[in-house]
Amino acid sequence: MVTGKVVAVAAGAVGAVTLAPVALGAMGFTSAGIAAGSYAAGMMSSAAAANGGGVAAGSVVAVLQSAGAAGLSTSASAAVAAVGGAVGAGVTSAAGWLRSFYK
């Protein structure tokens, strides 16, 4: 069972790092900028309206656009991998808990 959990954590970590750029692109955070009419454009519009016309440096929109344009930094990749690994561990634990009801 420990081997299965290790595999799930590793798969979650690798999958999260691999799919993060895909998810950013799907939301509209692209290397060419924020895609018109996308979810990212709506986020940017809301952030700009709340901030007097501009998007604040370091805001969620700015960080996501930076990641969409340049890719994830090493520290961001590590954070995404940690979250993905935690999700993998949680899924494995939940599956084990559910399995305990059917023995």
PDB file of N, CA and C in Angstrom:
ATOM      1  N   MET A   1       0.822  -1.202   0.000  1.00  0.00           N
ATOM      2  CA  MET A   1       0.000   0.000   0.000  1.00  0.00           C
ATOM      3  C   MET A   1       0.860   1.258   0.000  1.00  0.00           C
ATOM      4  N   VAL A   2       2.034   1.195   0.655  1.00  0.00           N
ATOM      5  CA  VAL A   2       2.924   2.343   0.671  1.00  0.00           C
ATOM      6  C   VAL A   2       3.430   2.638  -0.732  1.00  0.00           C
ATOM      7  N   THR A   3       3.738   1.602  -1.492  1.00  0.00           N
ATOM      8  CA  THR A   3       4.207   1.796  -2.864  1.00  0.00           C
ATOM      9  C   THR A   3       3.145   2.499  -3.703  1.00  0.00           C
ATOM     10  N   GLY A   4       1.890   2.119  -3.531  1.00  0.00           N
ATOM     11  CA  GLY A   4       0.807   2.770  -4.261  1.00  0.00           C
ATOM     12  C   GLY A   4       0.696   4.241  -3.918  1.00  0.00           C
ATOM     13  N   LYS A   5       0.886   4.579  -2.650  1.00  0.00           N
ATOM     14  CA  LYS A   5       0.808   5.978  -2.244  1.00  0.00           C
ATOM     15  C   LYS A   5       1.982   6.773  -2.817  1.00  0.00           C
ATOM     16  N   VAL A   6       3.177   6.159  -2.817  1.00  0.00           N
ATOM     17  CA  VAL A   6       4.342   6.836  -3.392  1.00  0.00           C
ATOM     18  C   VAL A   6       4.115   7.112  -4.879  1.00  0.00           C
ATOM     19  N   VAL A   7       3.577   6.142  -5.579  1.00  0.00           N
ATOM     20  CA  VAL A   7       3.288   6.317  -7.006  1.00  0.00           C
ATOM     21  C   VAL A   7       2.246   7.419  -7.208  1.00  0.00           C
ATOM     22  N   ALA A   8       1.222   7.449  -6.366  1.00  0.00           N
ATOM     23  CA  ALA A   8       0.173   8.466  -6.494  1.00  0.00           C
ATOM     24  C   ALA A   8       0.720   9.860  -6.219  1.00  0.00           C
ATOM     25  N   VAL A   9       1.584   9.982  -5.208  1.00  0.00           N
ATOM     26  CA  VAL A   9       2.185  11.285  -4.907  1.00  0.00           C
ATOM     27  C   VAL A   9       3.066  11.738  -6.068  1.00  0.00           C
ATOM     28  N   ALA A  10       3.894  10.823  -6.583  1.00  0.00           N
ATOM     29  CA  ALA A  10       4.767  11.166  -7.705  1.00  0.00           C
ATOM     30  C   ALA A  10       3.955  11.538  -8.944  1.00  0.00           C
ATOM     31  N   ALA A  11       2.911  10.765  -9.223  1.00  0.00           N
ATOM     32  CA  ALA A  11       2.071  11.054 -10.387  1.00  0.00           C
ATOM     33  C   ALA A  11       1.365  12.396 -10.228  1.00  0.00           C
ATOM     34  N   GLY A  12       0.899  12.681  -9.028  1.00  0.00           N
ATOM     35  CA  GLY A  12       0.248  13.966  -8.785  1.00  0.00           C
ATOM     36  C   GLY A  12       1.201  15.129  -8.966  1.00  0.00           C
ATOM     37  N   ALA A  13       2.429  14.977  -8.465  1.00  0.00           N
ATOM     38  CA  ALA A  13       3.424  16.043  -8.586  1.00  0.00           C
ATOM     39  C   ALA A  13       3.809  16.279 -10.038  1.00  0.00           C
ATOM     40  N   VAL A  14       4.120  15.212 -10.760  1.00  0.00           N
ATOM     41  CA  VAL A  14       4.528  15.338 -12.163  1.00  0.00           C
ATOM     42  C   VAL A  14       3.359  15.847 -13.013  1.00  0.00           C
ATOM     43  N   GLY A  15       2.180  15.299 -12.767  1.00  0.00           N
ATOM     44  CA  GLY A  15       1.011  15.729 -13.531  1.00  0.00           C
ATOM     45  C   GLY A  15       0.690  17.198 -13.326  1.00  0.00           C
ATOM     46  N   ALA A  16       0.804  17.667 -12.089  1.00  0.00           N
ATOM     47  CA  ALA A  16       0.496  19.070 -11.811  1.00  0.00           C
ATOM     48  C   ALA A  16       1.479  20.006 -12.507  1.00  0.00           C
ATOM     49  N   VAL A  17       2.765  19.675 -12.452  1.00  0.00           N
ATOM     50  CA  VAL A  17       3.771  20.524 -13.099  1.00  0.00           C
ATOM     51  C   VAL A  17       3.599  20.489 -14.620  1.00  0.00           C
ATOM     52  N   THR A  18       3.261  19.335 -15.153  1.00  0.00           N
ATOM     53  CA  THR A  18       3.085  19.200 -16.593  1.00  0.00           C
ATOM     54  C   THR A  18       1.841  19.932 -17.087  1.00  0.00           C
ATOM     55  N   LEU A  19       0.770  19.858 -16.323  1.00  0.00           N
ATOM     56  CA  LEU A  19      -0.498  20.439 -16.770  1.00  0.00           C
ATOM     57  C   LEU A  19      -0.698  21.901 -16.389  1.00  0.00           C
ATOM     58  N   ALA A  20       0.126  22.449 -15.501  1.00  0.00           N
ATOM     59  CA  ALA A  20      -0.033  23.852 -15.099  1.00  0.00           C
ATOM     60  C   ALA A  20       0.033  24.804 -16.300  1.00  0.00           C
ATOM     61  N   PRO A  21       1.021  24.674 -17.197  1.00  0.00           N
ATOM     62  CA  PRO A  21       1.033  25.574 -18.359  1.00  0.00           C
ATOM     63  C   PRO A  21      -0.187  25.394 -19.275  1.00  0.00           C
ATOM     64  N   VAL A  22      -0.678  24.174 -19.378  1.00  0.00           N
ATOM     65  CA  VAL A  22      -1.874  23.908 -20.189  1.00  0.00           C
ATOM     66  C   VAL A  22      -3.081  24.618 -19.576  1.00  0.00           C
ATOM     67  N   ALA A  23      -3.208  24.519 -18.258  1.00  0.00           N
ATOM     68  CA  ALA A  23      -4.326  25.168 -17.570  1.00  0.00           C
ATOM     69  C   ALA A  23      -4.245  26.684 -17.700  1.00  0.00           C
ATOM     70  N   LEU A  24      -3.043  27.237 -17.569  1.00  0.00           N
ATOM     71  CA  LEU A  24      -2.889  28.690 -17.722  1.00  0.00           C
ATOM     72  C   LEU A  24      -3.294  29.137 -19.126  1.00  0.00           C
ATOM     73  N   GLY A  25      -2.853  28.398 -20.127  1.00  0.00           N
ATOM     74  CA  GLY A  25      -3.219  28.732 -21.503  1.00  0.00           C
ATOM     75  C   GLY A  25      -4.714  28.624 -21.743  1.00  0.00           C
ATOM     76  N   ALA A  26      -5.325  27.599 -21.165  1.00  0.00           N
ATOM     77  CA  ALA A  26      -6.771  27.412 -21.333  1.00  0.00           C
ATOM     78  C   ALA A  26      -7.557  28.548 -20.690  1.00  0.00           C
ATOM     79  N   MET A  27      -7.016  29.112 -19.608  1.00  0.00           N
ATOM     80  CA  MET A  27      -7.681  30.231 -18.939  1.00  0.00           C
ATOM     81  C   MET A  27      -7.480  31.546 -19.687  1.00  0.00           C
ATOM     82  N   GLY A  28      -6.470  31.589 -20.581  1.00  0.00           N
ATOM     83  CA  GLY A  28      -6.228  32.792 -21.362  1.00  0.00           C
ATOM     84  C   GLY A  28      -4.925  33.496 -21.048  1.00  0.00           C
ATOM     85  N   PHE A  29      -4.100  32.928 -20.167  1.00  0.00           N
ATOM     86  CA  PHE A  29      -2.791  33.503 -19.853  1.00  0.00           C
ATOM     87  C   PHE A  29      -1.773  32.890 -20.816  1.00  0.00           C
ATOM     88  N   THR A  30      -1.504  33.577 -21.936  1.00  0.00           N
ATOM     89  CA  THR A  30      -0.660  33.019 -22.992  1.00  0.00           C
ATOM     90  C   THR A  30       0.669  33.760 -23.081  1.00  0.00           C
ATOM     91  N   SER A  31       1.581  33.208 -23.870  1.00  0.00           N
ATOM     92  CA  SER A  31       2.884  33.847 -24.053  1.00  0.00           C
ATOM     93  C   SER A  31       2.762  35.169 -24.807  1.00  0.00           C
ATOM     94  N   ALA A  32       1.680  35.347 -25.542  1.00  0.00           N
ATOM     95  CA  ALA A  32       1.453  36.593 -26.282  1.00  0.00           C
ATOM     96  C   ALA A  32       0.661  37.617 -25.482  1.00  0.00           C
ATOM     97  N   GLY A  33       0.310  37.292 -24.258  1.00  0.00           N
ATOM     98  CA  GLY A  33      -0.487  38.192 -23.417  1.00  0.00           C
ATOM     99  C   GLY A  33      -1.823  37.548 -23.084  1.00  0.00           C
ATOM    100  N   ILE A  34      -2.679  38.313 -22.465  1.00  0.00           N
ATOM    101  CA  ILE A  34      -3.992  37.805 -22.070  1.00  0.00           C
ATOM    102  C   ILE A  34      -4.899  37.761 -23.303  1.00  0.00           C
ATOM    103  N   ALA A  35      -5.499  36.598 -23.530  1.00  0.00           N
ATOM    104  CA  ALA A  35      -6.362  36.395 -24.696  1.00  0.00           C
ATOM    105  C   ALA A  35      -7.681  37.146 -24.526  1.00  0.00           C
ATOM    106  N   ALA A  36      -8.085  37.853 -25.566  1.00  0.00           N
ATOM    107  CA  ALA A  36      -9.331  38.616 -25.543  1.00  0.00           C
ATOM    108  C   ALA A  36     -10.522  37.685 -25.334  1.00  0.00           C
ATOM    109  N   GLY A  37     -11.454  38.097 -24.494  1.00  0.00           N
ATOM    110  CA  GLY A  37     -12.673  37.343 -24.264  1.00  0.00           C
ATOM    111  C   GLY A  37     -12.511  36.119 -23.380  1.00  0.00           C
ATOM    112  N   SER A  38     -11.342  35.920 -22.817  1.00  0.00           N
ATOM    113  CA  SER A  38     -11.086  34.733 -21.999  1.00  0.00           C
ATOM    114  C   SER A  38     -11.405  35.005 -20.530  1.00  0.00           C
ATOM    115  N   TYR A  39     -11.329  33.944 -19.743  1.00  0.00           N
ATOM    116  CA  TYR A  39     -11.492  34.072 -18.296  1.00  0.00           C
ATOM    117  C   TYR A  39     -10.427  35.012 -17.737  1.00  0.00           C
ATOM    118  N   ALA A  40      -9.206  34.914 -18.272  1.00  0.00           N
ATOM    119  CA  ALA A  40      -8.118  35.791 -17.828  1.00  0.00           C
ATOM    120  C   ALA A  40      -8.439  37.256 -18.119  1.00  0.00           C
ATOM    121  N   ALA A  41      -9.061  37.515 -19.256  1.00  0.00           N
ATOM    122  CA  ALA A  41      -9.442  38.891 -19.600  1.00  0.00           C
ATOM    123  C   ALA A  41     -10.456  39.432 -18.603  1.00  0.00           C
ATOM    124  N   GLY A  42     -11.395  38.588 -18.196  1.00  0.00           N
ATOM    125  CA  GLY A  42     -12.366  39.000 -17.181  1.00  0.00           C
ATOM    126  C   GLY A  42     -11.697  39.288 -15.848  1.00  0.00           C
ATOM    127  N   MET A  43     -10.731  38.438 -15.477  1.00  0.00           N
ATOM    128  CA  MET A  43      -9.986  38.664 -14.236  1.00  0.00           C
ATOM    129  C   MET A  43      -9.216  39.980 -14.306  1.00  0.00           C
ATOM    130  N   MET A  44      -8.582  40.228 -15.450  1.00  0.00           N
ATOM    131  CA  MET A  44      -7.803  41.450 -15.611  1.00  0.00           C
ATOM    132  C   MET A  44      -8.694  42.679 -15.546  1.00  0.00           C
ATOM    133  N   SER A  45      -9.847  42.605 -16.195  1.00  0.00           N
ATOM    134  CA  SER A  45     -10.786  43.718 -16.187  1.00  0.00           C
ATOM    135  C   SER A  45     -11.257  44.027 -14.764  1.00  0.00           C
ATOM    136  N   SER A  46     -11.585  42.989 -14.015  1.00  0.00           N
ATOM    137  CA  SER A  46     -12.028  43.184 -12.632  1.00  0.00           C
ATOM    138  C   SER A  46     -10.923  43.753 -11.761  1.00  0.00           C
ATOM    139  N   ALA A  47      -9.705  43.226 -11.937  1.00  0.00           N
ATOM    140  CA  ALA A  47      -8.572  43.708 -11.146  1.00  0.00           C
ATOM    141  C   ALA A  47      -8.265  45.166 -11.469  1.00  0.00           C
ATOM    142  N   ALA A  48      -8.326  45.520 -12.748  1.00  0.00           N
ATOM    143  CA  ALA A  48      -8.053  46.899 -13.150  1.00  0.00           C
ATOM    144  C   ALA A  48      -9.122  47.849 -12.613  1.00  0.00           C
ATOM    145  N   ALA A  49     -10.377  47.448 -12.676  1.00  0.00           N
ATOM    146  CA  ALA A  49     -11.464  48.286 -12.173  1.00  0.00           C
ATOM    147  C   ALA A  49     -11.341  48.491 -10.667  1.00  0.00           C
ATOM    148  N   ALA A  50     -10.939  47.455  -9.951  1.00  0.00           N
ATOM    149  CA  ALA A  50     -10.813  47.550  -8.498  1.00  0.00           C
ATOM    150  C   ALA A  50      -9.581  48.342  -8.083  1.00  0.00           C
ATOM    151  N   ASN A  51      -8.627  48.485  -8.992  1.00  0.00           N
ATOM    152  CA  ASN A  51      -7.364  49.134  -8.653  1.00  0.00           C
ATOM    153  C   ASN A  51      -7.200  50.485  -9.353  1.00  0.00           C
ATOM    154  N   GLY A  52      -8.269  51.078  -9.776  1.00  0.00           N
ATOM    155  CA  GLY A  52      -8.189  52.409 -10.371  1.00  0.00           C
ATOM    156  C   GLY A  52      -7.687  52.445 -11.803  1.00  0.00           C
ATOM    157  N   GLY A  53      -7.814  51.346 -12.547  1.00  0.00           N
ATOM    158  CA  GLY A  53      -7.462  51.363 -13.961  1.00  0.00           C
ATOM    159  C   GLY A  53      -6.256  50.541 -14.342  1.00  0.00           C
ATOM    160  N   GLY A  54      -5.486  50.057 -13.398  1.00  0.00           N
ATOM    161  CA  GLY A  54      -4.305  49.257 -13.723  1.00  0.00           C
ATOM    162  C   GLY A  54      -4.266  47.994 -12.886  1.00  0.00           C
ATOM    163  N   VAL A  55      -3.501  47.038 -13.332  1.00  0.00           N
ATOM    164  CA  VAL A  55      -3.323  45.795 -12.587  1.00  0.00           C
ATOM    165  C   VAL A  55      -2.083  45.945 -11.721  1.00  0.00           C
ATOM    166  N   ALA A  56      -2.239  45.736 -10.442  1.00  0.00           N
ATOM    167  CA  ALA A  56      -1.126  45.909  -9.503  1.00  0.00           C
ATOM    168  C   ALA A  56      -0.058  44.850  -9.706  1.00  0.00           C
ATOM    169  N   ALA A  57       1.191  45.267  -9.637  1.00  0.00           N
ATOM    170  CA  ALA A  57       2.306  44.317  -9.704  1.00  0.00           C
ATOM    171  C   ALA A  57       2.211  43.369  -8.516  1.00  0.00           C
ATOM    172  N   GLY A  58       2.435  42.098  -8.766  1.00  0.00           N
ATOM    173  CA  GLY A  58       2.372  41.109  -7.695  1.00  0.00           C
ATOM    174  C   GLY A  58       0.977  40.586  -7.410  1.00  0.00           C
ATOM    175  N   SER A  59      -0.038  41.118  -8.116  1.00  0.00           N
ATOM    176  CA  SER A  59      -1.403  40.627  -7.912  1.00  0.00           C
ATOM    177  C   SER A  59      -1.544  39.242  -8.539  1.00  0.00           C
ATOM    178  N   VAL A  60      -2.635  38.571  -8.242  1.00  0.00           N
ATOM    179  CA  VAL A  60      -2.872  37.234  -8.785  1.00  0.00           C
ATOM    180  C   VAL A  60      -2.843  37.266 -10.313  1.00  0.00           C
ATOM    181  N   VAL A  61      -3.484  38.254 -10.907  1.00  0.00           N
ATOM    182  CA  VAL A  61      -3.521  38.352 -12.367  1.00  0.00           C
ATOM    183  C   VAL A  61      -2.106  38.551 -12.916  1.00  0.00           C
ATOM    184  N   ALA A  62      -1.326  39.408 -12.290  1.00  0.00           N
ATOM    185  CA  ALA A  62       0.037  39.667 -12.759  1.00  0.00           C
ATOM    186  C   ALA A  62       0.916  38.423 -12.642  1.00  0.00           C
ATOM    187  N   VAL A  63       0.791  37.708 -11.545  1.00  0.00           N
ATOM    188  CA  VAL A  63       1.599  36.500 -11.345  1.00  0.00           C
ATOM    189  C   VAL A  63       1.210  35.419 -12.345  1.00  0.00           C
ATOM    190  N   LEU A  64      -0.096  35.221 -12.554  1.00  0.00           N
ATOM    191  CA  LEU A  64      -0.545  34.213 -13.513  1.00  0.00           C
ATOM    192  C   LEU A  64      -0.132  34.574 -14.939  1.00  0.00           C
ATOM    193  N   GLN A  65      -0.198  35.856 -15.295  1.00  0.00           N
ATOM    194  CA  GLN A  65       0.220  36.254 -16.633  1.00  0.00           C
ATOM    195  C   GLN A  65       1.719  36.054 -16.809  1.00  0.00           C
ATOM    196  N   SER A  66       2.485  36.352 -15.780  1.00  0.00           N
ATOM    197  CA  SER A  66       3.926  36.124 -15.841  1.00  0.00           C
ATOM    198  C   SER A  66       4.231  34.647 -16.060  1.00  0.00           C
ATOM    199  N   ALA A  67       3.529  33.782 -15.333  1.00  0.00           N
ATOM    200  CA  ALA A  67       3.723  32.338 -15.499  1.00  0.00           C
ATOM    201  C   ALA A  67       3.265  31.877 -16.875  1.00  0.00           C
ATOM    202  N   GLY A  68       2.181  32.451 -17.381  1.00  0.00           N
ATOM    203  CA  GLY A  68       1.698  32.086 -18.710  1.00  0.00           C
ATOM    204  C   GLY A  68       2.646  32.531 -19.805  1.00  0.00           C
ATOM    205  N   ALA A  69       3.289  33.673 -19.608  1.00  0.00           N
ATOM    206  CA  ALA A  69       4.181  34.210 -20.630  1.00  0.00           C
ATOM    207  C   ALA A  69       5.561  33.566 -20.601  1.00  0.00           C
ATOM    208  N   ALA A  70       6.109  33.381 -19.405  1.00  0.00           N
ATOM    209  CA  ALA A  70       7.497  32.916 -19.287  1.00  0.00           C
ATOM    210  C   ALA A  70       7.622  31.499 -18.769  1.00  0.00           C
ATOM    211  N   GLY A  71       6.523  30.899 -18.355  1.00  0.00           N
ATOM    212  CA  GLY A  71       6.593  29.567 -17.748  1.00  0.00           C
ATOM    213  C   GLY A  71       6.770  29.679 -16.246  1.00  0.00           C
ATOM    214  N   LEU A  72       6.712  28.545 -15.592  1.00  0.00           N
ATOM    215  CA  LEU A  72       6.832  28.526 -14.138  1.00  0.00           C
ATOM    216  C   LEU A  72       8.295  28.619 -13.722  1.00  0.00           C
ATOM    217  N   SER A  73       8.555  29.417 -12.706  1.00  0.00           N
ATOM    218  CA  SER A  73       9.904  29.480 -12.144  1.00  0.00           C
ATOM    219  C   SER A  73      10.171  28.192 -11.374  1.00  0.00           C
ATOM    220  N   THR A  74      11.400  28.008 -10.948  1.00  0.00           N
ATOM    221  CA  THR A  74      11.755  26.811 -10.191  1.00  0.00           C
ATOM    222  C   THR A  74      10.960  26.728  -8.896  1.00  0.00           C
ATOM    223  N   SER A  75      10.850  27.847  -8.199  1.00  0.00           N
ATOM    224  CA  SER A  75      10.101  27.828  -6.935  1.00  0.00           C
ATOM    225  C   SER A  75       8.608  27.600  -7.179  1.00  0.00           C
ATOM    226  N   ALA A  76       8.071  28.172  -8.248  1.00  0.00           N
ATOM    227  CA  ALA A  76       6.659  27.941  -8.569  1.00  0.00           C
ATOM    228  C   ALA A  76       6.431  26.487  -8.964  1.00  0.00           C
ATOM    229  N   SER A  77       7.368  25.906  -9.712  1.00  0.00           N
ATOM    230  CA  SER A  77       7.259  24.488 -10.080  1.00  0.00           C
ATOM    231  C   SER A  77       7.275  23.612  -8.830  1.00  0.00           C
ATOM    232  N   ALA A  78       8.128  23.965  -7.885  1.00  0.00           N
ATOM    233  CA  ALA A  78       8.192  23.192  -6.634  1.00  0.00           C
ATOM    234  C   ALA A  78       6.887  23.299  -5.858  1.00  0.00           C
ATOM    235  N   ALA A  79       6.307  24.492  -5.821  1.00  0.00           N
ATOM    236  CA  ALA A  79       5.041  24.676  -5.112  1.00  0.00           C
ATOM    237  C   ALA A  79       3.909  23.904  -5.790  1.00  0.00           C
ATOM    238  N   VAL A  80       3.867  23.972  -7.114  1.00  0.00           N
ATOM    239  CA  VAL A  80       2.833  23.241  -7.860  1.00  0.00           C
ATOM    240  C   VAL A  80       3.008  21.736  -7.669  1.00  0.00           C
ATOM    241  N   ALA A  81       4.260  21.267  -7.674  1.00  0.00           N
ATOM    242  CA  ALA A  81       4.526  19.838  -7.457  1.00  0.00           C
ATOM    243  C   ALA A  81       4.095  19.410  -6.061  1.00  0.00           C
ATOM    244  N   ALA A  82       4.331  20.258  -5.070  1.00  0.00           N
ATOM    245  CA  ALA A  82       3.925  19.926  -3.701  1.00  0.00           C
ATOM    246  C   ALA A  82       2.411  19.801  -3.588  1.00  0.00           C
ATOM    247  N   VAL A  83       1.701  20.721  -4.208  1.00  0.00           N
ATOM    248  CA  VAL A  83       0.238  20.651  -4.177  1.00  0.00           C
ATOM    249  C   VAL A  83      -0.250  19.415  -4.929  1.00  0.00           C
ATOM    250  N   GLY A  84       0.334  19.151  -6.095  1.00  0.00           N
ATOM    251  CA  GLY A  84      -0.056  17.965  -6.858  1.00  0.00           C
ATOM    252  C   GLY A  84       0.221  16.682  -6.097  1.00  0.00           C
ATOM    253  N   GLY A  85       1.363  16.617  -5.408  1.00  0.00           N
ATOM    254  CA  GLY A  85       1.680  15.450  -4.590  1.00  0.00           C
ATOM    255  C   GLY A  85       0.706  15.277  -3.443  1.00  0.00           C
ATOM    256  N   ALA A  86       0.325  16.387  -2.813  1.00  0.00           N
ATOM    257  CA  ALA A  86      -0.653  16.326  -1.723  1.00  0.00           C
ATOM    258  C   ALA A  86      -2.007  15.839  -2.225  1.00  0.00           C
ATOM    259  N   VAL A  87      -2.400  16.297  -3.405  1.00  0.00           N
ATOM    260  CA  VAL A  87      -3.661  15.827  -3.992  1.00  0.00           C
ATOM    261  C   VAL A  87      -3.583  14.333  -4.289  1.00  0.00           C
ATOM    262  N   GLY A  88      -2.446  13.885  -4.834  1.00  0.00           N
ATOM    263  CA  GLY A  88      -2.265  12.460  -5.095  1.00  0.00           C
ATOM    264  C   GLY A  88      -2.370  11.632  -3.828  1.00  0.00           C
ATOM    265  N   ALA A  89      -1.756  12.112  -2.750  1.00  0.00           N
ATOM    266  CA  ALA A  89      -1.840  11.403  -1.467  1.00  0.00           C
ATOM    267  C   ALA A  89      -3.265  11.390  -0.936  1.00  0.00           C
ATOM    268  N   GLY A  90      -3.953  12.514  -1.082  1.00  0.00           N
ATOM    269  CA  GLY A  90      -5.336  12.591  -0.613  1.00  0.00           C
ATOM    270  C   GLY A  90      -6.262  11.661  -1.370  1.00  0.00           C
ATOM    271  N   VAL A  91      -6.068  11.579  -2.674  1.00  0.00           N
ATOM    272  CA  VAL A  91      -6.899  10.686  -3.496  1.00  0.00           C
ATOM    273  C   VAL A  91      -6.661   9.237  -3.084  1.00  0.00           C
ATOM    274  N   THR A  92      -5.396   8.885  -2.860  1.00  0.00           N
ATOM    275  CA  THR A  92      -5.079   7.518  -2.438  1.00  0.00           C
ATOM    276  C   THR A  92      -5.702   7.199  -1.084  1.00  0.00           C
ATOM    277  N   SER A  93      -5.613   8.139  -0.157  1.00  0.00           N
ATOM    278  CA  SER A  93      -6.212   7.931   1.159  1.00  0.00           C
ATOM    279  C   SER A  93      -7.723   7.810   1.081  1.00  0.00           C
ATOM    280  N   ALA A  94      -8.343   8.663   0.270  1.00  0.00           N
ATOM    281  CA  ALA A  94      -9.796   8.598   0.122  1.00  0.00           C
ATOM    282  C   ALA A  94     -10.217   7.277  -0.511  1.00  0.00           C
ATOM    283  N   ALA A  95      -9.445   6.816  -1.486  1.00  0.00           N
ATOM    284  CA  ALA A  95      -9.771   5.538  -2.118  1.00  0.00           C
ATOM    285  C   ALA A  95      -9.653   4.394  -1.109  1.00  0.00           C
ATOM    286  N   GLY A  96      -8.627   4.438  -0.281  1.00  0.00           N
ATOM    287  CA  GLY A  96      -8.468   3.413   0.754  1.00  0.00           C
ATOM    288  C   GLY A  96      -9.609   3.447   1.762  1.00  0.00           C
ATOM    289  N   TRP A  97     -10.024   4.637   2.134  1.00  0.00           N
ATOM    290  CA  TRP A  97     -11.131   4.781   3.083  1.00  0.00           C
ATOM    291  C   TRP A  97     -12.418   4.224   2.475  1.00  0.00           C
ATOM    292  N   LEU A  98     -12.700   4.554   1.235  1.00  0.00           N
ATOM    293  CA  LEU A  98     -13.893   4.038   0.579  1.00  0.00           C
ATOM    294  C   LEU A  98     -13.834   2.522   0.418  1.00  0.00           C
ATOM    295  N   ARG A  99     -12.649   2.011   0.117  1.00  0.00           N
ATOM    296  CA  ARG A  99     -12.469   0.579  -0.050  1.00  0.00           C
ATOM    297  C   ARG A  99     -12.754  -0.182   1.250  1.00  0.00           C
ATOM    298  N   SER A 100     -12.507   0.484   2.387  1.00  0.00           N
ATOM    299  CA  SER A 100     -12.724  -0.179   3.680  1.00  0.00           C
ATOM    300  C   SER A 100     -14.213  -0.513   3.918  1.00  0.00           C
ATOM    301  N   PHE A 101     -15.103   0.165   3.242  1.00  0.00           N
ATOM    302  CA  PHE A 101     -16.536  -0.112   3.391  1.00  0.00           C
ATOM    303  C   PHE A 101     -16.990  -1.333   2.604  1.00  0.00           C
ATOM    304  N   TYR A 102     -16.160  -1.814   1.695  1.00  0.00           N
ATOM    305  CA  TYR A 102     -16.570  -2.913   0.825  1.00  0.00           C
ATOM    306  C   TYR A 102     -15.748  -4.174   1.035  1.00  0.00           C
ATOM    307  N   LYS A 103     -15.218  -4.333   2.238  1.00  0.00           N
ATOM    308  CA  LYS A 103     -14.448  -5.558   2.538  1.00  0.00           C
ATOM    309  C   LYS A 103     -15.310  -6.561   3.247  1.00  0.00           C
TER     310      LYS A 103
END
